[in-house]
């Protein structure tokens, strides 16, 4: 929540927050005051999830590397 508060303070209120369907996100958005701007639609989250794929690929490669 600290991250969301800092981001909203710097950038201003967002039009829409795209999250997945975890119940805790709804509670956090109510505390921050952004509950009516949250979208938890199934396919909208794919863009955020897929942007992490190159990083995850590198991370998996590093997990296989073991120094002797």
N, C-alpha and C. Protein backbone atom coordinates (compact mmCIF):
# COMPACT_ATOMS: atom_id res chain seq x y z
N UNK A 1 0.80 -1.18 0.00
CA UNK A 1 0.00 0.00 0.00
C UNK A 1 0.85 1.26 0.00
N UNK A 2 1.99 1.16 0.63
CA UNK A 2 2.88 2.31 0.67
C UNK A 2 3.29 2.72 -0.74
N UNK A 3 3.58 1.71 -1.57
CA UNK A 3 3.95 1.97 -2.96
C UNK A 3 2.82 2.68 -3.71
N UNK A 4 1.60 2.19 -3.55
CA UNK A 4 0.47 2.80 -4.25
C UNK A 4 0.24 4.23 -3.80
N UNK A 5 0.35 4.47 -2.50
CA UNK A 5 0.16 5.84 -2.00
C UNK A 5 1.21 6.79 -2.56
N UNK A 6 2.48 6.34 -2.56
CA UNK A 6 3.55 7.19 -3.09
C UNK A 6 3.33 7.48 -4.57
N UNK A 7 2.98 6.45 -5.32
CA UNK A 7 2.77 6.61 -6.75
C UNK A 7 1.62 7.56 -7.03
N UNK A 8 0.53 7.41 -6.30
CA UNK A 8 -0.62 8.28 -6.52
C UNK A 8 -0.32 9.71 -6.11
N UNK A 9 0.54 9.89 -5.11
CA UNK A 9 0.91 11.24 -4.69
C UNK A 9 1.75 11.92 -5.78
N UNK A 10 2.64 11.15 -6.39
CA UNK A 10 3.52 11.71 -7.43
C UNK A 10 2.79 11.91 -8.75
N UNK A 11 2.01 10.93 -9.15
CA UNK A 11 1.38 10.94 -10.47
C UNK A 11 -0.05 11.45 -10.48
N UNK A 12 -0.69 11.55 -9.34
CA UNK A 12 -2.09 11.94 -9.28
C UNK A 12 -2.98 10.72 -9.35
N UNK A 13 -4.27 10.94 -9.21
CA UNK A 13 -5.22 9.83 -9.25
C UNK A 13 -5.25 9.22 -10.65
N UNK A 14 -5.32 7.91 -10.68
CA UNK A 14 -5.35 7.21 -11.96
C UNK A 14 -6.79 7.06 -12.45
N UNK A 15 -6.94 6.91 -13.75
CA UNK A 15 -8.28 6.71 -14.29
C UNK A 15 -8.78 5.32 -13.96
N UNK A 16 -7.93 4.30 -14.19
CA UNK A 16 -8.31 2.91 -13.94
C UNK A 16 -7.10 2.15 -13.43
N UNK A 17 -7.31 1.33 -12.39
CA UNK A 17 -6.26 0.44 -11.90
C UNK A 17 -6.63 -0.98 -12.32
N UNK A 18 -5.77 -1.62 -13.08
CA UNK A 18 -6.02 -2.98 -13.53
C UNK A 18 -5.32 -3.93 -12.58
N UNK A 19 -6.09 -4.79 -11.92
CA UNK A 19 -5.54 -5.76 -10.99
C UNK A 19 -6.13 -7.13 -11.31
N UNK A 20 -5.58 -8.16 -10.65
CA UNK A 20 -6.23 -9.45 -10.78
C UNK A 20 -7.31 -9.54 -9.70
N UNK A 21 -7.93 -10.69 -9.55
CA UNK A 21 -9.13 -10.79 -8.71
C UNK A 21 -8.85 -11.15 -7.26
N UNK A 22 -7.73 -10.72 -6.69
CA UNK A 22 -7.50 -10.98 -5.27
C UNK A 22 -8.37 -10.07 -4.43
N UNK A 23 -8.93 -10.62 -3.36
CA UNK A 23 -9.83 -9.85 -2.52
C UNK A 23 -9.11 -8.72 -1.79
N UNK A 24 -7.84 -8.92 -1.49
CA UNK A 24 -7.10 -7.90 -0.73
C UNK A 24 -6.92 -6.62 -1.54
N UNK A 25 -6.90 -6.71 -2.86
CA UNK A 25 -6.75 -5.51 -3.68
C UNK A 25 -7.95 -4.58 -3.52
N UNK A 26 -9.13 -5.16 -3.44
CA UNK A 26 -10.33 -4.35 -3.25
C UNK A 26 -10.30 -3.58 -1.94
N UNK A 27 -9.86 -4.25 -0.87
CA UNK A 27 -9.76 -3.60 0.43
C UNK A 27 -8.71 -2.49 0.41
N UNK A 28 -7.58 -2.76 -0.25
CA UNK A 28 -6.52 -1.75 -0.33
C UNK A 28 -6.98 -0.54 -1.14
N UNK A 29 -7.71 -0.77 -2.21
CA UNK A 29 -8.20 0.34 -3.02
C UNK A 29 -9.21 1.20 -2.25
N UNK A 30 -10.01 0.57 -1.36
CA UNK A 30 -10.94 1.34 -0.54
C UNK A 30 -10.19 2.24 0.43
N UNK A 31 -9.11 1.72 1.02
CA UNK A 31 -8.33 2.51 1.97
C UNK A 31 -7.69 3.70 1.27
N UNK A 32 -7.18 3.48 0.07
CA UNK A 32 -6.52 4.54 -0.68
C UNK A 32 -7.53 5.53 -1.25
N UNK A 33 -8.74 5.07 -1.51
CA UNK A 33 -9.76 5.94 -2.09
C UNK A 33 -9.86 5.79 -3.59
N UNK A 34 -9.51 4.62 -4.08
CA UNK A 34 -9.50 4.38 -5.52
C UNK A 34 -10.38 3.18 -5.87
N UNK A 35 -11.33 2.83 -5.01
CA UNK A 35 -12.11 1.60 -5.18
C UNK A 35 -13.00 1.64 -6.42
N UNK A 36 -13.54 2.79 -6.76
CA UNK A 36 -14.44 2.86 -7.91
C UNK A 36 -13.68 2.88 -9.23
N UNK A 37 -12.36 2.94 -9.19
CA UNK A 37 -11.57 2.97 -10.42
C UNK A 37 -10.81 1.67 -10.65
N UNK A 38 -11.17 0.62 -9.93
CA UNK A 38 -10.46 -0.65 -10.07
C UNK A 38 -11.18 -1.54 -11.07
N UNK A 39 -10.42 -2.11 -12.01
CA UNK A 39 -10.96 -3.09 -12.94
C UNK A 39 -10.25 -4.40 -12.73
N UNK A 40 -11.02 -5.44 -12.49
CA UNK A 40 -10.45 -6.76 -12.28
C UNK A 40 -10.98 -7.70 -13.36
N UNK A 41 -10.83 -7.30 -14.59
CA UNK A 41 -11.31 -8.08 -15.72
C UNK A 41 -10.24 -9.09 -16.10
N UNK A 42 -10.67 -10.24 -16.51
CA UNK A 42 -9.78 -11.38 -16.72
C UNK A 42 -8.64 -11.09 -17.70
N UNK A 43 -8.91 -10.45 -18.81
CA UNK A 43 -7.90 -10.34 -19.87
C UNK A 43 -7.05 -9.07 -19.79
N UNK A 44 -7.50 -8.06 -19.06
CA UNK A 44 -6.74 -6.81 -19.00
C UNK A 44 -5.42 -6.97 -18.26
N UNK A 45 -5.34 -7.93 -17.35
CA UNK A 45 -4.12 -8.13 -16.56
C UNK A 45 -3.02 -8.80 -17.39
N UNK A 46 -3.35 -9.40 -18.52
CA UNK A 46 -2.36 -10.12 -19.33
C UNK A 46 -1.22 -9.21 -19.79
N UNK A 47 -1.52 -7.97 -20.09
CA UNK A 47 -0.47 -7.06 -20.57
C UNK A 47 0.60 -6.86 -19.51
N UNK A 48 0.19 -6.66 -18.27
CA UNK A 48 1.15 -6.48 -17.18
C UNK A 48 1.91 -7.77 -16.91
N UNK A 49 1.23 -8.89 -16.93
CA UNK A 49 1.89 -10.17 -16.65
C UNK A 49 2.89 -10.52 -17.75
N UNK A 50 2.55 -10.26 -18.99
CA UNK A 50 3.45 -10.62 -20.09
C UNK A 50 4.65 -9.70 -20.20
N UNK A 51 4.56 -8.52 -19.63
CA UNK A 51 5.71 -7.62 -19.70
C UNK A 51 6.86 -8.12 -18.83
N UNK A 52 6.57 -9.01 -17.89
CA UNK A 52 7.61 -9.55 -17.01
C UNK A 52 8.29 -10.79 -17.60
N UNK A 53 7.83 -11.29 -18.73
CA UNK A 53 8.36 -12.55 -19.26
C UNK A 53 9.85 -12.52 -19.56
N UNK A 54 10.41 -11.50 -20.21
CA UNK A 54 11.86 -11.52 -20.46
C UNK A 54 12.66 -11.57 -19.17
N UNK A 55 12.20 -10.87 -18.16
CA UNK A 55 12.89 -10.89 -16.87
C UNK A 55 12.83 -12.28 -16.26
N UNK A 56 11.66 -12.92 -16.34
CA UNK A 56 11.52 -14.25 -15.76
C UNK A 56 12.39 -15.26 -16.48
N UNK A 57 12.53 -15.11 -17.80
CA UNK A 57 13.40 -16.01 -18.55
C UNK A 57 14.84 -15.91 -18.08
N UNK A 58 15.32 -14.68 -17.91
CA UNK A 58 16.69 -14.47 -17.41
C UNK A 58 16.84 -15.02 -16.00
N UNK A 59 15.83 -14.82 -15.20
CA UNK A 59 15.89 -15.29 -13.81
C UNK A 59 15.98 -16.82 -13.76
N UNK A 60 15.20 -17.50 -14.59
CA UNK A 60 15.26 -18.96 -14.62
C UNK A 60 16.62 -19.45 -15.08
N UNK A 61 17.21 -18.75 -16.06
CA UNK A 61 18.54 -19.14 -16.53
C UNK A 61 19.57 -18.98 -15.42
N UNK A 62 19.46 -17.93 -14.63
CA UNK A 62 20.39 -17.73 -13.53
C UNK A 62 20.20 -18.76 -12.43
N UNK A 63 19.00 -19.26 -12.24
CA UNK A 63 18.77 -20.29 -11.23
C UNK A 63 19.46 -21.60 -11.60
N UNK A 64 19.61 -21.85 -12.89
CA UNK A 64 20.30 -23.08 -13.32
C UNK A 64 21.81 -22.97 -13.15
N UNK A 65 22.33 -21.75 -13.12
CA UNK A 65 23.77 -21.54 -12.99
C UNK A 65 24.17 -21.70 -11.54
N UNK A 66 25.10 -22.64 -11.28
CA UNK A 66 25.58 -22.87 -9.92
C UNK A 66 27.09 -22.71 -9.87
N UNK A 67 27.59 -21.76 -9.12
CA UNK A 67 29.06 -21.64 -8.99
C UNK A 67 29.63 -22.80 -8.20
N UNK A 68 30.86 -23.18 -8.51
CA UNK A 68 31.46 -24.33 -7.82
C UNK A 68 32.21 -23.93 -6.61
